[in-house]
PDB file of N, CA and C in Angstrom:
ATOM      1  N   MET A   1      -4.692 -23.543 -40.378  1.00  0.00           N
ATOM      2  CA  MET A   1      -3.955 -24.797 -40.630  1.00  0.00           C
ATOM      3  C   MET A   1      -3.130 -25.182 -39.413  1.00  0.00           C
ATOM      4  N   PHE A   2      -2.396 -24.287 -38.898  1.00  0.00           N
ATOM      5  CA  PHE A   2      -1.464 -24.409 -37.864  1.00  0.00           C
ATOM      6  C   PHE A   2      -2.310 -24.923 -36.538  1.00  0.00           C
ATOM      7  N   SER A   3      -3.427 -24.284 -36.336  1.00  0.00           N
ATOM      8  CA  SER A   3      -4.188 -24.608 -35.217  1.00  0.00           C
ATOM      9  C   SER A   3      -4.810 -26.046 -35.284  1.00  0.00           C
ATOM     10  N   ILE A   4      -5.072 -26.492 -36.506  1.00  0.00           N
ATOM     11  CA  ILE A   4      -5.526 -27.867 -36.688  1.00  0.00           C
ATOM     12  C   ILE A   4      -4.401 -28.876 -36.252  1.00  0.00           C
ATOM     13  N   ILE A   5      -3.230 -28.545 -36.783  1.00  0.00           N
ATOM     14  CA  ILE A   5      -2.140 -29.453 -36.461  1.00  0.00           C
ATOM     15  C   ILE A   5      -1.789 -29.369 -35.028  1.00  0.00           C
ATOM     16  N   MET A   6      -1.853 -28.248 -34.343  1.00  0.00           N
ATOM     17  CA  MET A   6      -1.654 -28.255 -32.940  1.00  0.00           C
ATOM     18  C   MET A   6      -2.774 -29.003 -32.065  1.00  0.00           C
ATOM     19  N   ASP A   7      -3.954 -28.960 -32.610  1.00  0.00           N
ATOM     20  CA  ASP A   7      -5.092 -29.660 -31.915  1.00  0.00           C
ATOM     21  C   ASP A   7      -4.825 -31.123 -32.024  1.00  0.00           C
ATOM     22  N   VAL A   8      -4.445 -31.649 -33.245  1.00  0.00           N
ATOM     23  CA  VAL A   8      -4.213 -33.020 -33.483  1.00  0.00           C
ATOM     24  C   VAL A   8      -2.948 -33.506 -32.551  1.00  0.00           C
ATOM     25  N   PHE A   9      -1.876 -32.541 -32.493  1.00  0.00           N
ATOM     26  CA  PHE A   9      -0.686 -32.915 -31.709  1.00  0.00           C
ATOM     27  C   PHE A   9      -1.018 -33.004 -30.245  1.00  0.00           C
ATOM     28  N   LYS A  10      -1.925 -32.123 -29.677  1.00  0.00           N
ATOM     29  CA  LYS A  10      -2.361 -32.182 -28.363  1.00  0.00           C
ATOM     30  C   LYS A  10      -3.048 -33.458 -27.896  1.00  0.00           C
ATOM     31  N   LEU A  11      -3.755 -34.063 -28.906  1.00  0.00           N
ATOM     32  CA  LEU A  11      -4.544 -35.299 -28.670  1.00  0.00           C
ATOM     33  C   LEU A  11      -3.635 -36.540 -28.546  1.00  0.00           C
ATOM     34  N   LEU A  12      -2.402 -36.438 -28.991  1.00  0.00           N
ATOM     35  CA  LEU A  12      -1.556 -37.593 -29.051  1.00  0.00           C
ATOM     36  C   LEU A  12      -0.971 -37.789 -27.681  1.00  0.00           C
ATOM     37  N   LYS A  13      -0.737 -39.043 -27.236  1.00  0.00           N
ATOM     38  CA  LYS A  13      -0.108 -39.358 -26.071  1.00  0.00           C
ATOM     39  C   LYS A  13       1.385 -39.185 -26.157  1.00  0.00           C
ATOM     40  N   ASN A  14       2.117 -39.218 -25.048  1.00  0.00           N
ATOM     41  CA  ASN A  14       3.504 -39.044 -25.139  1.00  0.00           C
ATOM     42  C   ASN A  14       4.332 -39.944 -25.891  1.00  0.00           C
ATOM     43  N   TRP A  15       3.911 -41.229 -25.789  1.00  0.00           N
ATOM     44  CA  TRP A  15       4.659 -42.336 -26.552  1.00  0.00           C
ATOM     45  C   TRP A  15       4.376 -42.171 -28.026  1.00  0.00           C
ATOM     46  N   GLN A  16       3.143 -41.729 -28.462  1.00  0.00           N
ATOM     47  CA  GLN A  16       2.765 -41.482 -29.832  1.00  0.00           C
ATOM     48  C   GLN A  16       3.601 -40.304 -30.408  1.00  0.00           C
ATOM     49  N   LYS A  17       3.776 -39.242 -29.513  1.00  0.00           N
ATOM     50  CA  LYS A  17       4.676 -38.092 -29.921  1.00  0.00           C
ATOM     51  C   LYS A  17       6.125 -38.565 -30.218  1.00  0.00           C
ATOM     52  N   ALA A  18       6.609 -39.458 -29.359  1.00  0.00           N
ATOM     53  CA  ALA A  18       7.954 -39.968 -29.523  1.00  0.00           C
ATOM     54  C   ALA A  18       8.100 -40.745 -30.732  1.00  0.00           C
ATOM     55  N   LEU A  19       7.157 -41.577 -31.120  1.00  0.00           N
ATOM     56  CA  LEU A  19       7.190 -42.351 -32.288  1.00  0.00           C
ATOM     57  C   LEU A  19       7.183 -41.453 -33.549  1.00  0.00           C
ATOM     58  N   LEU A  20       6.285 -40.425 -33.448  1.00  0.00           N
ATOM     59  CA  LEU A  20       6.150 -39.377 -34.586  1.00  0.00           C
ATOM     60  C   LEU A  20       7.519 -38.706 -34.821  1.00  0.00           C
ATOM     61  N   PHE A  21       8.114 -38.252 -33.649  1.00  0.00           N
ATOM     62  CA  PHE A  21       9.418 -37.643 -33.836  1.00  0.00           C
ATOM     63  C   PHE A  21      10.476 -38.558 -34.336  1.00  0.00           C
ATOM     64  N   SER A  22      10.481 -39.811 -33.943  1.00  0.00           N
ATOM     65  CA  SER A  22      11.402 -40.711 -34.420  1.00  0.00           C
ATOM     66  C   SER A  22      11.276 -40.982 -35.899  1.00  0.00           C
ATOM     67  N   PHE A  23       9.881 -41.057 -36.404  1.00  0.00           N
ATOM     68  CA  PHE A  23       9.694 -41.391 -37.749  1.00  0.00           C
ATOM     69  C   PHE A  23      10.221 -40.189 -38.665  1.00  0.00           C
ATOM     70  N   VAL A  24       9.915 -38.944 -38.180  1.00  0.00           N
ATOM     71  CA  VAL A  24      10.327 -37.764 -38.907  1.00  0.00           C
ATOM     72  C   VAL A  24      11.929 -37.652 -38.926  1.00  0.00           C
ATOM     73  N   SER A  25      12.550 -37.941 -37.861  1.00  0.00           N
ATOM     74  CA  SER A  25      13.963 -37.983 -37.682  1.00  0.00           C
ATOM     75  C   SER A  25      14.638 -38.938 -38.777  1.00  0.00           C
ATOM     76  N   TYR A  26      14.078 -40.126 -38.738  1.00  0.00           N
ATOM     77  CA  TYR A  26      14.594 -41.127 -39.733  1.00  0.00           C
ATOM     78  C   TYR A  26      14.276 -40.866 -41.054  1.00  0.00           C
ATOM     79  N   ALA A  27      13.242 -40.145 -41.363  1.00  0.00           N
ATOM     80  CA  ALA A  27      12.936 -39.720 -42.700  1.00  0.00           C
ATOM     81  C   ALA A  27      13.914 -38.752 -43.172  1.00  0.00           C
ATOM     82  N   VAL A  28      14.387 -37.769 -42.302  1.00  0.00           N
ATOM     83  CA  VAL A  28      15.444 -36.765 -42.602  1.00  0.00           C
ATOM     84  C   VAL A  28      16.751 -37.521 -42.870  1.00  0.00           C
ATOM     85  N   VAL A  29      17.021 -38.567 -42.206  1.00  0.00           N
ATOM     86  CA  VAL A  29      18.262 -39.238 -42.420  1.00  0.00           C
ATOM     87  C   VAL A  29      18.158 -39.948 -43.817  1.00  0.00           C
ATOM     88  N   LEU A  30      16.979 -40.404 -44.219  1.00  0.00           N
ATOM     89  CA  LEU A  30      16.868 -40.994 -45.548  1.00  0.00           C
ATOM     90  C   LEU A  30      17.071 -39.934 -46.578  1.00  0.00           C
ATOM     91  N   PHE A  31      16.573 -38.655 -46.334  1.00  0.00           N
ATOM     92  CA  PHE A  31      16.920 -37.668 -47.311  1.00  0.00           C
ATOM     93  C   PHE A  31      18.374 -37.454 -47.533  1.00  0.00           C
ATOM     94  N   PHE A  32      19.113 -37.461 -46.362  1.00  0.00           N
ATOM     95  CA  PHE A  32      20.518 -37.170 -46.600  1.00  0.00           C
ATOM     96  C   PHE A  32      21.316 -38.299 -47.085  1.00  0.00           C
ATOM     97  N   VAL A  33      20.765 -39.582 -46.987  1.00  0.00           N
ATOM     98  CA  VAL A  33      21.302 -40.737 -47.650  1.00  0.00           C
ATOM     99  C   VAL A  33      21.104 -40.613 -49.102  1.00  0.00           C
ATOM    100  N   ILE A  34      19.929 -40.286 -49.546  1.00  0.00           N
ATOM    101  CA  ILE A  34      19.625 -40.023 -50.991  1.00  0.00           C
ATOM    102  C   ILE A  34      20.439 -39.083 -51.568  1.00  0.00           C
ATOM    103  N   VAL A  35      20.668 -37.866 -50.929  1.00  0.00           N
ATOM    104  CA  VAL A  35      21.617 -36.754 -51.376  1.00  0.00           C
ATOM    105  C   VAL A  35      22.998 -37.294 -51.486  1.00  0.00           C
ATOM    106  N   ALA A  36      23.440 -38.050 -50.527  1.00  0.00           N
ATOM    107  CA  ALA A  36      24.874 -38.594 -50.571  1.00  0.00           C
ATOM    108  C   ALA A  36      24.928 -39.515 -51.784  1.00  0.00           C
ATOM    109  N   ILE A  37      24.024 -40.381 -52.048  1.00  0.00           N
ATOM    110  CA  ILE A  37      24.061 -41.403 -53.166  1.00  0.00           C
ATOM    111  C   ILE A  37      24.099 -40.552 -54.475  1.00  0.00           C
ATOM    112  N   VAL A  38      23.334 -39.506 -54.613  1.00  0.00           N
ATOM    113  CA  VAL A  38      23.371 -38.729 -55.779  1.00  0.00           C
ATOM    114  C   VAL A  38      24.735 -38.054 -55.980  1.00  0.00           C
ATOM    115  N   PHE A  39      25.337 -37.530 -55.039  1.00  0.00           N
ATOM    116  CA  PHE A  39      26.605 -36.837 -55.203  1.00  0.00           C
ATOM    117  C   PHE A  39      27.793 -37.899 -55.329  1.00  0.00           C
ATOM    118  N   ILE A  40      27.656 -38.969 -54.743  1.00  0.00           N
ATOM    119  CA  ILE A  40      28.806 -40.012 -54.861  1.00  0.00           C
ATOM    120  C   ILE A  40      28.750 -40.672 -56.246  1.00  0.00           C
ATOM    121  N   PHE A  41      27.492 -40.941 -56.771  1.00  0.00           N
ATOM    122  CA  PHE A  41      27.379 -41.568 -58.077  1.00  0.00           C
ATOM    123  C   PHE A  41      27.273 -40.517 -59.159  1.00  0.00           C
ATOM    124  N   SER A  42      27.198 -39.283 -58.776  1.00  0.00           N
ATOM    125  CA  SER A  42      27.152 -38.071 -59.679  1.00  0.00           C
ATOM    126  C   SER A  42      26.058 -38.235 -60.727  1.00  0.00           C
ATOM    127  N   GLY A  43      24.875 -38.130 -60.248  1.00  0.00           N
ATOM    128  CA  GLY A  43      23.705 -38.172 -61.173  1.00  0.00           C
ATOM    129  C   GLY A  43      22.509 -38.777 -60.527  1.00  0.00           C
ATOM    130  N   PHE A  44      21.342 -38.164 -60.834  1.00  0.00           N
ATOM    131  CA  PHE A  44      20.138 -38.769 -60.258  1.00  0.00           C
ATOM    132  C   PHE A  44      19.406 -39.700 -61.249  1.00  0.00           C
ATOM    133  N   SER A  45      19.307 -39.331 -62.583  1.00  0.00           N
ATOM    134  CA  SER A  45      18.572 -40.148 -63.457  1.00  0.00           C
ATOM    135  C   SER A  45      19.180 -41.517 -63.711  1.00  0.00           C
ATOM    136  N   ARG A  46      20.611 -41.499 -63.715  1.00  0.00           N
ATOM    137  CA  ARG A  46      21.203 -42.761 -64.045  1.00  0.00           C
ATOM    138  C   ARG A  46      21.125 -43.828 -62.895  1.00  0.00           C
ATOM    139  N   ASN A  47      21.060 -43.290 -61.648  1.00  0.00           N
ATOM    140  CA  ASN A  47      21.006 -44.128 -60.501  1.00  0.00           C
ATOM    141  C   ASN A  47      19.681 -44.126 -59.851  1.00  0.00           C
ATOM    142  N   LEU A  48      18.580 -43.850 -60.545  1.00  0.00           N
ATOM    143  CA  LEU A  48      17.354 -43.910 -60.009  1.00  0.00           C
ATOM    144  C   LEU A  48      16.940 -45.320 -59.472  1.00  0.00           C
ATOM    145  N   PRO A  49      17.268 -46.426 -60.131  1.00  0.00           N
ATOM    146  CA  PRO A  49      16.934 -47.778 -59.509  1.00  0.00           C
ATOM    147  C   PRO A  49      17.565 -47.924 -58.271  1.00  0.00           C
ATOM    148  N   ILE A  50      18.834 -47.569 -58.066  1.00  0.00           N
ATOM    149  CA  ILE A  50      19.602 -47.603 -56.792  1.00  0.00           C
ATOM    150  C   ILE A  50      18.941 -46.770 -55.676  1.00  0.00           C
ATOM    151  N   ILE A  51      18.570 -45.618 -56.066  1.00  0.00           N
ATOM    152  CA  ILE A  51      18.005 -44.685 -55.088  1.00  0.00           C
ATOM    153  C   ILE A  51      16.638 -45.241 -54.671  1.00  0.00           C
ATOM    154  N   MET A  52      15.832 -45.575 -55.610  1.00  0.00           N
ATOM    155  CA  MET A  52      14.485 -46.124 -55.341  1.00  0.00           C
ATOM    156  C   MET A  52      14.609 -47.382 -54.508  1.00  0.00           C
ATOM    157  N   GLY A  53      15.552 -48.251 -54.771  1.00  0.00           N
ATOM    158  CA  GLY A  53      15.747 -49.471 -53.895  1.00  0.00           C
ATOM    159  C   GLY A  53      16.136 -49.176 -52.529  1.00  0.00           C
ATOM    160  N   VAL A  54      17.013 -48.219 -52.332  1.00  0.00           N
ATOM    161  CA  VAL A  54      17.452 -47.784 -51.018  1.00  0.00           C
ATOM    162  C   VAL A  54      16.255 -47.172 -50.357  1.00  0.00           C
ATOM    163  N   ALA A  55      15.523 -46.319 -50.970  1.00  0.00           N
ATOM    164  CA  ALA A  55      14.452 -45.567 -50.356  1.00  0.00           C
ATOM    165  C   ALA A  55      13.233 -46.466 -49.877  1.00  0.00           C
ATOM    166  N   VAL A  56      12.948 -47.393 -50.832  1.00  0.00           N
ATOM    167  CA  VAL A  56      11.793 -48.359 -50.621  1.00  0.00           C
ATOM    168  C   VAL A  56      12.156 -49.335 -49.489  1.00  0.00           C
ATOM    169  N   SER A  57      13.331 -49.897 -49.447  1.00  0.00           N
ATOM    170  CA  SER A  57      13.807 -50.828 -48.465  1.00  0.00           C
ATOM    171  C   SER A  57      13.931 -50.047 -47.104  1.00  0.00           C
ATOM    172  N   TYR A  58      14.417 -48.903 -47.065  1.00  0.00           N
ATOM    173  CA  TYR A  58      14.603 -48.147 -45.844  1.00  0.00           C
ATOM    174  C   TYR A  58      13.283 -47.857 -45.273  1.00  0.00           C
ATOM    175  N   MET A  59      12.347 -47.282 -46.055  1.00  0.00           N
ATOM    176  CA  MET A  59      11.062 -46.968 -45.588  1.00  0.00           C
ATOM    177  C   MET A  59      10.280 -48.169 -45.100  1.00  0.00           C
ATOM    178  N   PHE A  60      10.416 -49.320 -45.768  1.00  0.00           N
ATOM    179  CA  PHE A  60       9.831 -50.556 -45.371  1.00  0.00           C
ATOM    180  C   PHE A  60      10.210 -50.881 -43.985  1.00  0.00           C
ATOM    181  N   LEU A  61      11.563 -50.928 -43.761  1.00  0.00           N
ATOM    182  CA  LEU A  61      12.176 -51.334 -42.490  1.00  0.00           C
ATOM    183  C   LEU A  61      11.788 -50.359 -41.356  1.00  0.00           C
ATOM    184  N   LEU A  62      11.785 -49.010 -41.797  1.00  0.00           N
ATOM    185  CA  LEU A  62      11.359 -48.032 -40.860  1.00  0.00           C
ATOM    186  C   LEU A  62       9.931 -48.093 -40.351  1.00  0.00           C
ATOM    187  N   ILE A  63       8.999 -48.399 -41.378  1.00  0.00           N
ATOM    188  CA  ILE A  63       7.580 -48.517 -41.039  1.00  0.00           C
ATOM    189  C   ILE A  63       7.371 -49.817 -40.238  1.00  0.00           C
ATOM    190  N   LEU A  64       8.072 -50.813 -40.547  1.00  0.00           N
ATOM    191  CA  LEU A  64       7.903 -52.126 -39.833  1.00  0.00           C
ATOM    192  C   LEU A  64       8.488 -51.877 -38.381  1.00  0.00           C
ATOM    193  N   ALA A  65       9.554 -51.139 -38.122  1.00  0.00           N
ATOM    194  CA  ALA A  65       9.988 -50.942 -36.797  1.00  0.00           C
ATOM    195  C   ALA A  65       9.153 -50.073 -36.058  1.00  0.00           C
ATOM    196  N   MET A  66       8.526 -49.051 -36.683  1.00  0.00           N
ATOM    197  CA  MET A  66       7.465 -48.288 -36.012  1.00  0.00           C
ATOM    198  C   MET A  66       6.233 -48.956 -35.651  1.00  0.00           C
ATOM    199  N   VAL A  67       5.797 -49.912 -36.425  1.00  0.00           N
ATOM    200  CA  VAL A  67       4.624 -50.761 -36.068  1.00  0.00           C
ATOM    201  C   VAL A  67       5.013 -51.640 -34.847  1.00  0.00           C
ATOM    202  N   ILE A  68       6.157 -52.180 -34.892  1.00  0.00           N
ATOM    203  CA  ILE A  68       6.626 -53.066 -33.753  1.00  0.00           C
ATOM    204  C   ILE A  68       6.719 -52.176 -32.487  1.00  0.00           C
ATOM    205  N   ALA A  69       7.291 -50.962 -32.663  1.00  0.00           N
ATOM    206  CA  ALA A  69       7.495 -50.133 -31.477  1.00  0.00           C
ATOM    207  C   ALA A  69       6.047 -49.688 -30.895  1.00  0.00           C
ATOM    208  N   ARG A  70       5.195 -49.334 -31.875  1.00  0.00           N
ATOM    209  CA  ARG A  70       3.879 -48.947 -31.470  1.00  0.00           C
ATOM    210  C   ARG A  70       3.166 -50.057 -30.643  1.00  0.00           C
ATOM    211  N   HIS A  71       3.285 -51.263 -31.170  1.00  0.00           N
ATOM    212  CA  HIS A  71       2.685 -52.412 -30.549  1.00  0.00           C
ATOM    213  C   HIS A  71       3.229 -52.578 -29.111  1.00  0.00           C
ATOM    214  N   LEU A  72       4.533 -52.478 -28.972  1.00  0.00           N
ATOM    215  CA  LEU A  72       5.143 -52.652 -27.714  1.00  0.00           C
ATOM    216  C   LEU A  72       4.826 -51.587 -26.811  1.00  0.00           C
ATOM    217  N   PHE A  73       4.823 -50.364 -27.266  1.00  0.00           N
ATOM    218  CA  PHE A  73       4.461 -49.237 -26.405  1.00  0.00           C
ATOM    219  C   PHE A  73       3.064 -49.286 -25.930  1.00  0.00           C
ATOM    220  N   LYS A  74       2.168 -49.582 -26.897  1.00  0.00           N
ATOM    221  CA  LYS A  74       0.718 -49.704 -26.563  1.00  0.00           C
ATOM    222  C   LYS A  74       0.502 -50.764 -25.484  1.00  0.00           C
ATOM    223  N   LYS A  75       1.146 -51.936 -25.610  1.00  0.00           N
ATOM    224  CA  LYS A  75       0.924 -52.959 -24.766  1.00  0.00           C
ATOM    225  C   LYS A  75       1.522 -52.718 -23.462  1.00  0.00           C
ATOM    226  N   ARG A  76       2.702 -52.121 -23.324  1.00  0.00           N
ATOM    227  CA  ARG A  76       3.314 -51.859 -21.998  1.00  0.00           C
ATOM    228  C   ARG A  76       2.831 -50.617 -21.216  1.00  0.00           C
ATOM    229  N   LEU A  77       2.330 -49.686 -21.987  1.00  0.00           N
ATOM    230  CA  LEU A  77       2.040 -48.465 -21.388  1.00  0.00           C
ATOM    231  C   LEU A  77       0.574 -48.183 -21.115  1.00  0.00           C
ATOM    232  N   ILE A  78      -0.183 -49.339 -21.119  1.00  0.00           N
ATOM    233  CA  ILE A  78      -1.588 -49.185 -20.937  1.00  0.00           C
ATOM    234  C   ILE A  78      -1.806 -49.033 -19.455  1.00  0.00           C
ATOM    235  N   VAL A  79      -2.491 -48.008 -18.968  1.00  0.00           N
ATOM    236  CA  VAL A  79      -2.806 -47.879 -17.482  1.00  0.00           C
ATOM    237  C   VAL A  79      -4.188 -48.398 -17.244  1.00  0.00           C
ATOM    238  N   GLU A  80      -4.275 -49.412 -16.501  1.00  0.00           N
ATOM    239  CA  GLU A  80      -5.534 -50.037 -16.182  1.00  0.00           C
ATOM    240  C   GLU A  80      -5.967 -49.719 -14.705  1.00  0.00           C
TER     241      GLU A  80
END
């Protein structure tokens, strides 16, 4: 399994690796935001709509930013 992941990772270009690292990093930030919300509002089940709203809006904006960044990187880093 690890060898398959490494083969796929070797096929990625440097800018694609950077976007992948950024996406994973921002997903970790989302995890800590959710943990903070749970501890601040003291409970997961009562505040599920708040947590889901934050998570969905954050992931939507993150994916939108990654798509824009991918488009810009792909357009500017093409070697002809």
